[in-house]
Amino acid sequence: MSRTKASLLALGLTAALPFAASAQSAPALSYNYVEGGYIATNADLDADGAAARGSVAFHPNFHVFGGFQRQDVDNTPVDFDEWRIGIGYNHAISPNADLVTRVAYEKFDAGRDIFGNDYAPDGYSVEVGLRGALAPQLEGYAMAGYEDFGNFYGDDFYGRLGAQWKFTPNWGVSGDVKFAGGDTQWFVGPRFTW
């Protein structure tokens, strides 16, 4: 190895030490939380509204989770509700990172259309990804998923990225972005963790 390459390698390792040290001091991941905030969907017709989500661990490796959101479609009298409830499995792959898998029942309800037909399909989703404590105040996750609402609404693969910045051990702000097809849905709001 040349002297220049060895110097660059040593410099890179030295620069990474503070991140490794902070990751080692990061607290364990908690699957007990509630959060609420603003949610928006950017699609053919944009919408926004409010959402509430939560998770409760009932075993070191299992948790139940759920969420509800109500959004109004811009420049229309249409609104819709979405909710999901499911179970997740988390497996530690390092002291600060978990492999997470989830399966959920989902409901989308936009009420009746102009012909009096109900537009309220049921569906399910499955997702897998990584969640980790990147620093004592910062957590992040990346998930890949699949959702299916049958013939009524169809199916789609999606990606989800999220993070939480902790102000205290219990309080923080959470953000999440979901990419599905050409649509993007994002959320931001306070989170209480215990």
Protein backbone atom coordinates (compact mmCIF):
# COMPACT_ATOMS: atom_id res chain seq x y z
CA MET A 1 0.00 0.00 0.00
CA SER A 2 1.37 3.39 -0.94
CA ARG A 3 2.16 5.97 1.71
CA THR A 4 -0.61 8.29 0.38
CA LYS A 5 -3.24 5.53 0.53
CA ALA A 6 -2.16 4.57 4.05
CA SER A 7 -2.38 8.21 5.17
CA LEU A 8 -5.86 8.59 3.67
CA LEU A 9 -7.01 5.37 5.33
CA ALA A 10 -5.65 6.51 8.71
CA LEU A 11 -7.30 9.93 8.27
CA GLY A 12 -10.64 8.29 7.39
CA LEU A 13 -10.51 6.00 10.42
CA THR A 14 -9.61 8.91 12.69
CA ALA A 15 -12.53 10.95 11.33
CA ALA A 16 -14.93 8.03 11.95
CA LEU A 17 -13.95 7.57 15.62
CA PRO A 18 -16.30 10.26 17.03
CA PHE A 19 -19.24 8.72 15.15
CA ALA A 20 -18.39 5.24 16.39
CA ALA A 21 -18.05 6.52 19.96
CA SER A 22 -21.38 8.35 19.85
CA ALA A 23 -23.10 5.34 18.32
CA GLN A 24 -21.76 3.14 21.15
CA SER A 25 -23.25 5.50 23.74
CA ALA A 26 -26.65 5.65 22.02
CA PRO A 27 -29.52 4.29 24.15
CA ALA A 28 -31.39 1.11 23.26
CA LEU A 29 -34.18 1.42 20.72
CA SER A 30 -37.67 1.67 22.18
CA TYR A 31 -40.81 0.35 20.50
CA ASN A 32 -43.06 2.19 22.98
CA TYR A 33 -44.15 5.57 21.63
CA VAL A 34 -47.02 7.81 20.57
CA GLU A 35 -46.77 10.63 18.05
CA GLY A 36 -49.05 13.05 16.27
CA GLY A 37 -48.58 15.72 13.68
CA TYR A 38 -48.98 17.02 10.17
CA ILE A 39 -49.24 14.67 7.16
CA ALA A 40 -49.33 15.49 3.46
CA THR A 41 -49.65 13.50 0.23
CA ASN A 42 -48.24 14.71 -3.08
CA ALA A 43 -50.02 12.83 -5.88
CA ASP A 44 -52.25 13.63 -8.87
CA LEU A 45 -54.43 15.44 -6.33
CA ASP A 46 -52.52 16.77 -3.31
CA ALA A 47 -53.92 16.40 0.21
CA ASP A 48 -52.94 17.20 3.77
CA GLY A 49 -54.19 16.80 7.32
CA ALA A 50 -53.39 15.29 10.70
CA ALA A 51 -52.13 11.89 11.82
CA ALA A 52 -51.60 9.95 15.05
CA ARG A 53 -49.44 6.84 15.42
CA GLY A 54 -48.17 4.59 18.16
CA SER A 55 -46.40 1.37 19.06
CA VAL A 56 -46.26 -0.80 22.19
CA ALA A 57 -43.75 -3.59 22.82
CA PHE A 58 -45.26 -6.65 24.48
CA HIS A 59 -42.10 -8.79 24.26
CA PRO A 60 -38.42 -7.88 23.74
CA ASN A 61 -38.78 -8.85 20.05
CA PHE A 62 -42.46 -8.09 19.28
CA HIS A 63 -44.58 -4.95 19.18
CA VAL A 64 -48.05 -3.91 18.03
CA PHE A 65 -48.44 -0.66 16.11
CA GLY A 66 -51.18 1.42 14.60
CA GLY A 67 -52.00 4.74 13.09
CA PHE A 68 -54.83 6.97 11.90
CA GLN A 69 -54.83 9.90 9.51
CA ARG A 70 -57.42 12.23 8.01
CA GLN A 71 -56.54 14.32 4.96
CA ASP A 72 -58.45 16.87 2.86
CA VAL A 73 -57.85 16.84 -0.89
CA ASP A 74 -56.79 20.32 -2.06
CA ASN A 75 -59.42 22.43 -3.85
CA THR A 76 -62.15 19.78 -3.48
CA PRO A 77 -64.79 18.89 -0.86
CA VAL A 78 -63.26 15.37 -0.65
CA ASP A 79 -61.51 14.04 2.42
CA PHE A 80 -60.33 10.56 3.34
CA ASP A 81 -59.36 8.53 6.38
CA GLU A 82 -56.66 5.90 6.53
CA TRP A 83 -55.81 3.60 9.38
CA ARG A 84 -53.63 0.59 9.97
CA ILE A 85 -52.97 -1.86 12.77
CA GLY A 86 -50.35 -4.56 12.81
CA ILE A 87 -47.66 -6.55 14.51
CA GLY A 88 -43.91 -6.17 14.18
CA TYR A 89 -40.85 -8.27 14.90
CA ASN A 90 -37.52 -6.64 15.80
CA HIS A 91 -34.22 -8.51 15.96
CA ALA A 92 -30.99 -6.86 17.15
CA ILE A 93 -28.19 -7.11 14.60
CA SER A 94 -25.85 -4.88 16.63
CA PRO A 95 -26.09 -3.04 19.97
CA ASN A 96 -27.66 -0.03 18.20
CA ALA A 97 -29.47 -1.51 15.18
CA ASP A 98 -32.45 -3.79 14.61
CA LEU A 99 -33.79 -5.69 11.65
CA VAL A 100 -37.55 -4.97 11.64
CA THR A 101 -40.36 -6.79 9.85
CA ARG A 102 -44.02 -5.75 10.01
CA VAL A 103 -47.38 -6.91 8.73
CA ALA A 104 -50.53 -4.78 8.99
CA TYR A 105 -54.22 -4.61 8.15
CA GLU A 106 -55.03 -1.33 6.36
CA LYS A 107 -58.25 0.57 5.68
CA PHE A 108 -58.73 3.47 3.25
CA ASP A 109 -62.07 5.30 3.47
CA ALA A 110 -63.02 8.17 1.15
CA GLY A 111 -66.77 7.89 1.78
CA ARG A 112 -69.20 7.73 -1.13
CA ASP A 113 -68.50 8.80 -4.68
CA ILE A 114 -70.92 10.92 -6.76
CA PHE A 115 -72.82 7.75 -7.74
CA GLY A 116 -73.40 6.71 -4.12
CA ASN A 117 -70.82 3.91 -4.14
CA ASP A 118 -68.67 3.39 -1.06
CA TYR A 119 -64.97 3.92 -1.66
CA ALA A 120 -63.54 2.14 1.38
CA PRO A 121 -61.22 -0.73 0.42
CA ASP A 122 -59.51 -3.03 2.94
CA GLY A 123 -55.94 -4.12 2.41
CA TYR A 124 -52.72 -5.28 3.97
CA SER A 125 -49.06 -4.34 3.97
CA VAL A 126 -45.77 -6.07 4.73
CA GLU A 127 -42.45 -4.31 5.18
CA VAL A 128 -38.87 -5.05 6.19
CA GLY A 129 -35.98 -2.76 6.99
CA LEU A 130 -33.36 -1.48 9.39
CA ARG A 131 -33.78 0.84 12.38
CA GLY A 132 -30.83 2.21 14.28
CA ALA A 133 -29.56 4.71 16.84
CA LEU A 134 -27.15 6.82 14.82
CA ALA A 135 -26.21 9.04 17.78
CA PRO A 136 -27.52 9.57 21.34
CA GLN A 137 -30.12 12.05 20.03
CA LEU A 138 -30.72 10.62 16.54
CA GLU A 139 -32.50 7.50 15.31
CA GLY A 140 -33.25 6.56 11.73
CA TYR A 141 -34.83 3.80 9.67
CA ALA A 142 -35.20 2.62 6.08
CA MET A 143 -37.97 0.22 5.08
CA ALA A 144 -39.09 -1.49 1.87
CA GLY A 145 -42.70 -2.63 1.68
CA TYR A 146 -45.59 -3.94 -0.34
CA GLU A 147 -49.26 -2.99 0.07
CA ASP A 148 -52.32 -4.54 -1.58
CA PHE A 149 -55.90 -3.28 -1.60
CA GLY A 150 -57.16 -5.93 -4.06
CA ASN A 151 -59.00 -5.07 -7.28
CA PHE A 152 -60.55 -1.97 -5.78
CA TYR A 153 -57.36 0.05 -5.36
CA GLY A 154 -54.51 -2.17 -6.53
CA ASP A 155 -51.11 -2.95 -5.11
CA ASP A 156 -47.76 -1.19 -4.96
CA PHE A 157 -44.21 -1.48 -3.68
CA TYR A 158 -42.98 1.38 -1.53
CA GLY A 159 -40.00 2.72 0.34
CA ARG A 160 -40.09 4.52 3.68
CA LEU A 161 -37.38 6.66 5.31
CA GLY A 162 -37.69 8.15 8.77
CA ALA A 163 -35.80 9.75 11.62
CA GLN A 164 -36.30 11.03 15.15
CA TRP A 165 -34.35 13.76 16.92
CA LYS A 166 -34.58 13.42 20.72
CA PHE A 167 -34.61 16.55 22.87
CA THR A 168 -34.84 14.45 26.06
CA PRO A 169 -34.97 10.68 26.64
CA ASN A 170 -38.79 10.88 26.32
CA TRP A 171 -39.51 13.76 23.93
CA GLY A 172 -38.46 14.29 20.35
CA VAL A 173 -39.59 15.22 16.86
CA SER A 174 -40.23 12.52 14.28
CA GLY A 175 -40.31 12.65 10.48
CA ASP A 176 -41.21 10.07 7.85
CA VAL A 177 -41.36 9.99 4.02
CA LYS A 178 -43.08 7.22 2.03
CA PHE A 179 -42.45 6.81 -1.72
CA ALA A 180 -45.02 4.67 -3.59
CA GLY A 181 -45.22 4.75 -7.37
CA GLY A 182 -45.27 8.41 -8.30
CA ASP A 183 -46.79 9.49 -4.97
CA THR A 184 -45.00 10.84 -1.91
CA GLN A 185 -46.46 11.00 1.60
CA TRP A 186 -44.65 12.72 4.46
CA PHE A 187 -45.24 13.21 8.16
CA VAL A 188 -43.68 15.41 10.85
CA GLY A 189 -44.61 15.86 14.51
CA PRO A 190 -43.69 15.41 18.17
CA ARG A 191 -43.11 11.95 19.65
CA PHE A 192 -43.32 10.75 23.26
CA THR A 193 -41.27 7.60 23.98
CA TRP A 194 -41.20 5.52 27.15
